[in-house]
PDB file of N, CA and C in Angstrom:
ATOM      1  N   UNK A   1       0.835  -1.185   0.000  1.00  0.00           N
ATOM      2  CA  UNK A   1       0.000   0.000   0.000  1.00  0.00           C
ATOM      3  C   UNK A   1       0.877   1.246   0.000  1.00  0.00           C
ATOM      4  N   UNK A   2       1.853   1.332   0.879  1.00  0.00           N
ATOM      5  CA  UNK A   2       2.779   2.453   0.856  1.00  0.00           C
ATOM      6  C   UNK A   2       2.253   3.686   1.557  1.00  0.00           C
ATOM      7  N   UNK A   3       3.135   4.633   1.649  1.00  0.00           N
ATOM      8  CA  UNK A   3       2.847   5.887   2.346  1.00  0.00           C
ATOM      9  C   UNK A   3       1.657   6.629   1.742  1.00  0.00           C
ATOM     10  N   UNK A   4       1.530   6.575   0.418  1.00  0.00           N
ATOM     11  CA  UNK A   4       0.439   7.281  -0.247  1.00  0.00           C
ATOM     12  C   UNK A   4      -0.549   6.299  -0.871  1.00  0.00           C
ATOM     13  N   UNK A   5      -0.788   5.201  -0.176  1.00  0.00           N
ATOM     14  CA  UNK A   5      -1.719   4.185  -0.652  1.00  0.00           C
ATOM     15  C   UNK A   5      -3.140   4.490  -0.233  1.00  0.00           C
ATOM     16  N   UNK A   6      -4.023   3.644  -0.689  1.00  0.00           N
ATOM     17  CA  UNK A   6      -5.456   3.813  -0.442  1.00  0.00           C
ATOM     18  C   UNK A   6      -5.749   3.911   1.053  1.00  0.00           C
ATOM     19  N   UNK A   7      -6.447   4.964   1.409  1.00  0.00           N
ATOM     20  CA  UNK A   7      -6.897   5.137   2.777  1.00  0.00           C
ATOM     21  C   UNK A   7      -5.845   5.596   3.768  1.00  0.00           C
ATOM     22  N   UNK A   8      -4.610   5.768   3.335  1.00  0.00           N
ATOM     23  CA  UNK A   8      -3.583   6.197   4.291  1.00  0.00           C
ATOM     24  C   UNK A   8      -3.830   7.654   4.684  1.00  0.00           C
ATOM     25  N   UNK A   9      -3.508   7.993   5.915  1.00  0.00           N
ATOM     26  CA  UNK A   9      -3.675   9.392   6.340  1.00  0.00           C
ATOM     27  C   UNK A   9      -2.851  10.351   5.483  1.00  0.00           C
ATOM     28  N   UNK A  10      -1.670   9.904   5.038  1.00  0.00           N
ATOM     29  CA  UNK A  10      -0.822  10.758   4.217  1.00  0.00           C
ATOM     30  C   UNK A  10      -1.486  11.077   2.889  1.00  0.00           C
ATOM     31  N   UNK A  11      -2.049  10.063   2.242  1.00  0.00           N
ATOM     32  CA  UNK A  11      -2.703  10.264   0.951  1.00  0.00           C
ATOM     33  C   UNK A  11      -3.918  11.164   1.110  1.00  0.00           C
ATOM     34  N   UNK A  12      -4.695  10.930   2.146  1.00  0.00           N
ATOM     35  CA  UNK A  12      -5.869  11.765   2.383  1.00  0.00           C
ATOM     36  C   UNK A  12      -5.468  13.215   2.635  1.00  0.00           C
ATOM     37  N   UNK A  13      -4.375  13.425   3.366  1.00  0.00           N
ATOM     38  CA  UNK A  13      -3.905  14.782   3.642  1.00  0.00           C
ATOM     39  C   UNK A  13      -3.413  15.465   2.366  1.00  0.00           C
ATOM     40  N   UNK A  14      -2.694  14.735   1.531  1.00  0.00           N
ATOM     41  CA  UNK A  14      -2.213  15.306   0.270  1.00  0.00           C
ATOM     42  C   UNK A  14      -3.399  15.732  -0.592  1.00  0.00           C
ATOM     43  N   UNK A  15      -4.411  14.886  -0.694  1.00  0.00           N
ATOM     44  CA  UNK A  15      -5.594  15.256  -1.489  1.00  0.00           C
ATOM     45  C   UNK A  15      -6.260  16.500  -0.913  1.00  0.00           C
ATOM     46  N   UNK A  16      -6.336  16.586   0.399  1.00  0.00           N
ATOM     47  CA  UNK A  16      -6.930  17.754   1.045  1.00  0.00           C
ATOM     48  C   UNK A  16      -6.149  19.023   0.705  1.00  0.00           C
ATOM     49  N   UNK A  17      -4.829  18.947   0.784  1.00  0.00           N
ATOM     50  CA  UNK A  17      -3.982  20.100   0.466  1.00  0.00           C
ATOM     51  C   UNK A  17      -4.138  20.482  -0.999  1.00  0.00           C
ATOM     52  N   UNK A  18      -4.176  19.486  -1.876  1.00  0.00           N
ATOM     53  CA  UNK A  18      -4.351  19.764  -3.304  1.00  0.00           C
ATOM     54  C   UNK A  18      -5.644  20.517  -3.550  1.00  0.00           C
ATOM     55  N   UNK A  19      -6.729  20.064  -2.966  1.00  0.00           N
ATOM     56  CA  UNK A  19      -8.028  20.695  -3.169  1.00  0.00           C
ATOM     57  C   UNK A  19      -8.014  22.122  -2.628  1.00  0.00           C
ATOM     58  N   UNK A  20      -7.414  22.323  -1.475  1.00  0.00           N
ATOM     59  CA  UNK A  20      -7.324  23.675  -0.909  1.00  0.00           C
ATOM     60  C   UNK A  20      -6.518  24.602  -1.809  1.00  0.00           C
ATOM     61  N   UNK A  21      -5.387  24.121  -2.315  1.00  0.00           N
ATOM     62  CA  UNK A  21      -4.542  24.949  -3.185  1.00  0.00           C
ATOM     63  C   UNK A  21      -5.255  25.293  -4.490  1.00  0.00           C
ATOM     64  N   UNK A  22      -5.989  24.345  -5.042  1.00  0.00           N
ATOM     65  CA  UNK A  22      -6.738  24.600  -6.274  1.00  0.00           C
ATOM     66  C   UNK A  22      -7.793  25.671  -6.026  1.00  0.00           C
ATOM     67  N   UNK A  23      -8.457  25.594  -4.880  1.00  0.00           N
ATOM     68  CA  UNK A  23      -9.486  26.578  -4.547  1.00  0.00           C
ATOM     69  C   UNK A  23      -8.936  27.957  -4.254  1.00  0.00           C
ATOM     70  N   UNK A  24      -7.749  28.015  -3.685  1.00  0.00           N
ATOM     71  CA  UNK A  24      -7.156  29.292  -3.291  1.00  0.00           C
ATOM     72  C   UNK A  24      -6.487  30.037  -4.436  1.00  0.00           C
ATOM     73  N   UNK A  25      -5.965  29.282  -5.409  1.00  0.00           N
ATOM     74  CA  UNK A  25      -5.138  29.895  -6.437  1.00  0.00           C
ATOM     75  C   UNK A  25      -5.607  29.470  -7.829  1.00  0.00           C
ATOM     76  N   UNK A  26      -6.298  30.339  -8.546  1.00  0.00           N
ATOM     77  CA  UNK A  26      -6.802  29.989  -9.877  1.00  0.00           C
ATOM     78  C   UNK A  26      -5.707  29.558 -10.850  1.00  0.00           C
ATOM     79  N   UNK A  27      -4.486  30.045 -10.684  1.00  0.00           N
ATOM     80  CA  UNK A  27      -3.420  29.650 -11.605  1.00  0.00           C
ATOM     81  C   UNK A  27      -3.051  28.177 -11.449  1.00  0.00           C
ATOM     82  N   UNK A  28      -3.240  27.631 -10.263  1.00  0.00           N
ATOM     83  CA  UNK A  28      -2.995  26.194 -10.055  1.00  0.00           C
ATOM     84  C   UNK A  28      -4.009  25.398 -10.860  1.00  0.00           C
ATOM     85  N   UNK A  29      -5.262  25.784 -10.775  1.00  0.00           N
ATOM     86  CA  UNK A  29      -6.311  25.084 -11.519  1.00  0.00           C
ATOM     87  C   UNK A  29      -6.079  25.173 -13.021  1.00  0.00           C
ATOM     88  N   UNK A  30      -5.620  26.330 -13.491  1.00  0.00           N
ATOM     89  CA  UNK A  30      -5.353  26.505 -14.918  1.00  0.00           C
ATOM     90  C   UNK A  30      -4.200  25.628 -15.394  1.00  0.00           C
ATOM     91  N   UNK A  31      -3.264  25.311 -14.507  1.00  0.00           N
ATOM     92  CA  UNK A  31      -2.108  24.489 -14.870  1.00  0.00           C
ATOM     93  C   UNK A  31      -2.461  23.006 -14.980  1.00  0.00           C
ATOM     94  N   UNK A  32      -3.600  22.618 -14.421  1.00  0.00           N
ATOM     95  CA  UNK A  32      -4.033  21.225 -14.450  1.00  0.00           C
ATOM     96  C   UNK A  32      -5.109  21.026 -15.506  1.00  0.00           C
ATOM     97  N   UNK A  33      -5.112  19.861 -16.129  1.00  0.00           N
ATOM     98  CA  UNK A  33      -6.151  19.538 -17.107  1.00  0.00           C
ATOM     99  C   UNK A  33      -7.388  19.061 -16.352  1.00  0.00           C
ATOM    100  N   UNK A  34      -8.252  20.035 -16.009  1.00  0.00           N
ATOM    101  CA  UNK A  34      -9.441  19.710 -15.221  1.00  0.00           C
ATOM    102  C   UNK A  34     -10.611  19.229 -16.073  1.00  0.00           C
ATOM    103  N   UNK A  35     -10.424  19.215 -17.382  1.00  0.00           N
ATOM    104  CA  UNK A  35     -11.476  18.659 -18.243  1.00  0.00           C
ATOM    105  C   UNK A  35     -11.357  17.145 -18.320  1.00  0.00           C
ATOM    106  N   UNK A  36     -10.121  16.674 -18.367  1.00  0.00           N
ATOM    107  CA  UNK A  36      -9.887  15.232 -18.466  1.00  0.00           C
ATOM    108  C   UNK A  36      -9.917  14.556 -17.095  1.00  0.00           C
ATOM    109  N   UNK A  37      -9.596  15.314 -16.050  1.00  0.00           N
ATOM    110  CA  UNK A  37      -9.539  14.772 -14.692  1.00  0.00           C
ATOM    111  C   UNK A  37      -9.989  15.878 -13.762  1.00  0.00           C
ATOM    112  N   UNK A  38     -11.001  15.616 -12.970  1.00  0.00           N
ATOM    113  CA  UNK A  38     -11.600  16.662 -12.142  1.00  0.00           C
ATOM    114  C   UNK A  38     -11.250  16.478 -10.663  1.00  0.00           C
ATOM    115  N   UNK A  39     -11.669  17.439  -9.876  1.00  0.00           N
ATOM    116  CA  UNK A  39     -11.490  17.334  -8.429  1.00  0.00           C
ATOM    117  C   UNK A  39     -12.272  16.133  -7.900  1.00  0.00           C
ATOM    118  N   UNK A  40     -13.417  15.853  -8.466  1.00  0.00           N
ATOM    119  CA  UNK A  40     -14.176  14.660  -8.057  1.00  0.00           C
ATOM    120  C   UNK A  40     -13.382  13.393  -8.349  1.00  0.00           C
ATOM    121  N   UNK A  41     -12.702  13.355  -9.490  1.00  0.00           N
ATOM    122  CA  UNK A  41     -11.844  12.213  -9.802  1.00  0.00           C
ATOM    123  C   UNK A  41     -10.722  12.099  -8.774  1.00  0.00           C
ATOM    124  N   UNK A  42     -10.163  13.230  -8.392  1.00  0.00           N
ATOM    125  CA  UNK A  42      -9.117  13.244  -7.370  1.00  0.00           C
ATOM    126  C   UNK A  42      -9.645  12.664  -6.063  1.00  0.00           C
ATOM    127  N   UNK A  43     -10.820  13.067  -5.671  1.00  0.00           N
ATOM    128  CA  UNK A  43     -11.403  12.580  -4.422  1.00  0.00           C
ATOM    129  C   UNK A  43     -11.611  11.061  -4.455  1.00  0.00           C
ATOM    130  N   UNK A  44     -11.896  10.527  -5.618  1.00  0.00           N
ATOM    131  CA  UNK A  44     -12.128   9.084  -5.753  1.00  0.00           C
ATOM    132  C   UNK A  44     -10.838   8.285  -5.909  1.00  0.00           C
ATOM    133  N   UNK A  45      -9.740   8.945  -6.239  1.00  0.00           N
ATOM    134  CA  UNK A  45      -8.474   8.247  -6.490  1.00  0.00           C
ATOM    135  C   UNK A  45      -7.978   7.560  -5.220  1.00  0.00           C
ATOM    136  N   UNK A  46      -7.637   6.287  -5.351  1.00  0.00           N
ATOM    137  CA  UNK A  46      -7.157   5.518  -4.208  1.00  0.00           C
ATOM    138  C   UNK A  46      -5.667   5.660  -3.971  1.00  0.00           C
ATOM    139  N   UNK A  47      -4.918   5.962  -5.015  1.00  0.00           N
ATOM    140  CA  UNK A  47      -3.465   6.124  -4.878  1.00  0.00           C
ATOM    141  C   UNK A  47      -2.981   7.234  -5.797  1.00  0.00           C
ATOM    142  N   UNK A  48      -1.781   7.675  -5.533  1.00  0.00           N
ATOM    143  CA  UNK A  48      -1.159   8.701  -6.372  1.00  0.00           C
ATOM    144  C   UNK A  48      -0.951   8.191  -7.792  1.00  0.00           C
ATOM    145  N   UNK A  49      -0.794   6.879  -7.952  1.00  0.00           N
ATOM    146  CA  UNK A  49      -0.563   6.285  -9.270  1.00  0.00           C
ATOM    147  C   UNK A  49      -1.783   6.354 -10.180  1.00  0.00           C
ATOM    148  N   UNK A  50      -2.948   6.615  -9.635  1.00  0.00           N
ATOM    149  CA  UNK A  50      -4.163   6.738 -10.448  1.00  0.00           C
ATOM    150  C   UNK A  50      -4.313   8.124 -11.081  1.00  0.00           C
ATOM    151  N   UNK A  51      -3.437   9.038 -10.739  1.00  0.00           N
ATOM    152  CA  UNK A  51      -3.540  10.405 -11.240  1.00  0.00           C
ATOM    153  C   UNK A  51      -2.823  10.546 -12.583  1.00  0.00           C
ATOM    154  N   UNK A  52      -3.355  11.404 -13.465  1.00  0.00           N
ATOM    155  CA  UNK A  52      -2.631  11.726 -14.699  1.00  0.00           C
ATOM    156  C   UNK A  52      -1.326  12.440 -14.344  1.00  0.00           C
ATOM    157  N   UNK A  53      -0.416  12.508 -15.284  1.00  0.00           N
ATOM    158  CA  UNK A  53       0.933  13.048 -15.036  1.00  0.00           C
ATOM    159  C   UNK A  53       0.918  14.444 -14.411  1.00  0.00           C
ATOM    160  N   UNK A  54       0.085  15.354 -14.931  1.00  0.00           N
ATOM    161  CA  UNK A  54       0.088  16.720 -14.396  1.00  0.00           C
ATOM    162  C   UNK A  54      -0.417  16.760 -12.955  1.00  0.00           C
ATOM    163  N   UNK A  55      -1.451  15.984 -12.672  1.00  0.00           N
ATOM    164  CA  UNK A  55      -1.990  15.912 -11.323  1.00  0.00           C
ATOM    165  C   UNK A  55      -1.008  15.208 -10.383  1.00  0.00           C
ATOM    166  N   UNK A  56      -0.325  14.173 -10.883  1.00  0.00           N
ATOM    167  CA  UNK A  56       0.648  13.447 -10.073  1.00  0.00           C
ATOM    168  C   UNK A  56       1.799  14.368  -9.671  1.00  0.00           C
ATOM    169  N   UNK A  57       2.287  15.171 -10.602  1.00  0.00           N
ATOM    170  CA  UNK A  57       3.365  16.113 -10.285  1.00  0.00           C
ATOM    171  C   UNK A  57       2.910  17.110  -9.217  1.00  0.00           C
ATOM    172  N   UNK A  58       1.689  17.578  -9.338  1.00  0.00           N
ATOM    173  CA  UNK A  58       1.134  18.499  -8.349  1.00  0.00           C
ATOM    174  C   UNK A  58       0.999  17.802  -6.994  1.00  0.00           C
ATOM    175  N   UNK A  59       0.552  16.557  -6.991  1.00  0.00           N
ATOM    176  CA  UNK A  59       0.420  15.784  -5.751  1.00  0.00           C
ATOM    177  C   UNK A  59       1.780  15.588  -5.091  1.00  0.00           C
ATOM    178  N   UNK A  60       2.797  15.305  -5.884  1.00  0.00           N
ATOM    179  CA  UNK A  60       4.143  15.126  -5.334  1.00  0.00           C
ATOM    180  C   UNK A  60       4.653  16.420  -4.705  1.00  0.00           C
ATOM    181  N   UNK A  61       4.362  17.538  -5.346  1.00  0.00           N
ATOM    182  CA  UNK A  61       4.754  18.831  -4.785  1.00  0.00           C
ATOM    183  C   UNK A  61       4.032  19.065  -3.458  1.00  0.00           C
ATOM    184  N   UNK A  62       2.742  18.793  -3.433  1.00  0.00           N
ATOM    185  CA  UNK A  62       1.969  18.974  -2.202  1.00  0.00           C
ATOM    186  C   UNK A  62       2.428  18.006  -1.116  1.00  0.00           C
ATOM    187  N   UNK A  63       2.836  16.800  -1.502  1.00  0.00           N
ATOM    188  CA  UNK A  63       3.286  15.823  -0.502  1.00  0.00           C
ATOM    189  C   UNK A  63       4.573  16.298   0.162  1.00  0.00           C
ATOM    190  N   UNK A  64       5.455  16.927  -0.593  1.00  0.00           N
ATOM    191  CA  UNK A  64       6.690  17.462  -0.001  1.00  0.00           C
ATOM    192  C   UNK A  64       6.377  18.573   0.990  1.00  0.00           C
ATOM    193  N   UNK A  65       5.344  19.344   0.710  1.00  0.00           N
ATOM    194  CA  UNK A  65       4.960  20.431   1.602  1.00  0.00           C
ATOM    195  C   UNK A  65       4.289  19.918   2.871  1.00  0.00           C
ATOM    196  N   UNK A  66       3.702  18.735   2.828  1.00  0.00           N
ATOM    197  CA  UNK A  66       2.986  18.211   3.983  1.00  0.00           C
ATOM    198  C   UNK A  66       3.804  17.205   4.781  1.00  0.00           C
ATOM    199  N   UNK A  67       4.972  16.801   4.302  1.00  0.00           N
ATOM    200  CA  UNK A  67       5.761  15.791   5.008  1.00  0.00           C
ATOM    201  C   UNK A  67       6.052  16.173   6.455  1.00  0.00           C
ATOM    202  N   UNK A  68       6.338  17.415   6.701  1.00  0.00           N
ATOM    203  CA  UNK A  68       6.647  17.814   8.070  1.00  0.00           C
ATOM    204  C   UNK A  68       5.432  17.667   8.986  1.00  0.00           C
ATOM    205  N   UNK A  69       4.247  17.768   8.427  1.00  0.00           N
ATOM    206  CA  UNK A  69       3.016  17.616   9.206  1.00  0.00           C
ATOM    207  C   UNK A  69       2.796  16.156   9.564  1.00  0.00           C
ATOM    208  N   UNK A  70       3.161  15.270   8.670  1.00  0.00           N
ATOM    209  CA  UNK A  70       2.814  13.873   8.803  1.00  0.00           C
ATOM    210  C   UNK A  70       3.817  13.054   9.602  1.00  0.00           C
ATOM    211  N   UNK A  71       4.990  13.570   9.818  1.00  0.00           N
ATOM    212  CA  UNK A  71       6.018  12.772  10.496  1.00  0.00           C
ATOM    213  C   UNK A  71       6.058  13.052  11.971  1.00  0.00           C
TER     214      UNK A  71
END
């Protein structure tokens, strides 16, 4: 399952941070292909590997920002 596997607190926190950042900063949303993959798709994603490349890169960035919270 791993650190960012289905149902892990880390994965849930990363998704939460991603959603908050998208809501706070319109330029973040513009950088992501929200037509092919939506916030609802993100909420349903069980792992980081289910995300398209652009969303995965954003998730990895958000995970680095949240690591200090999770450890």
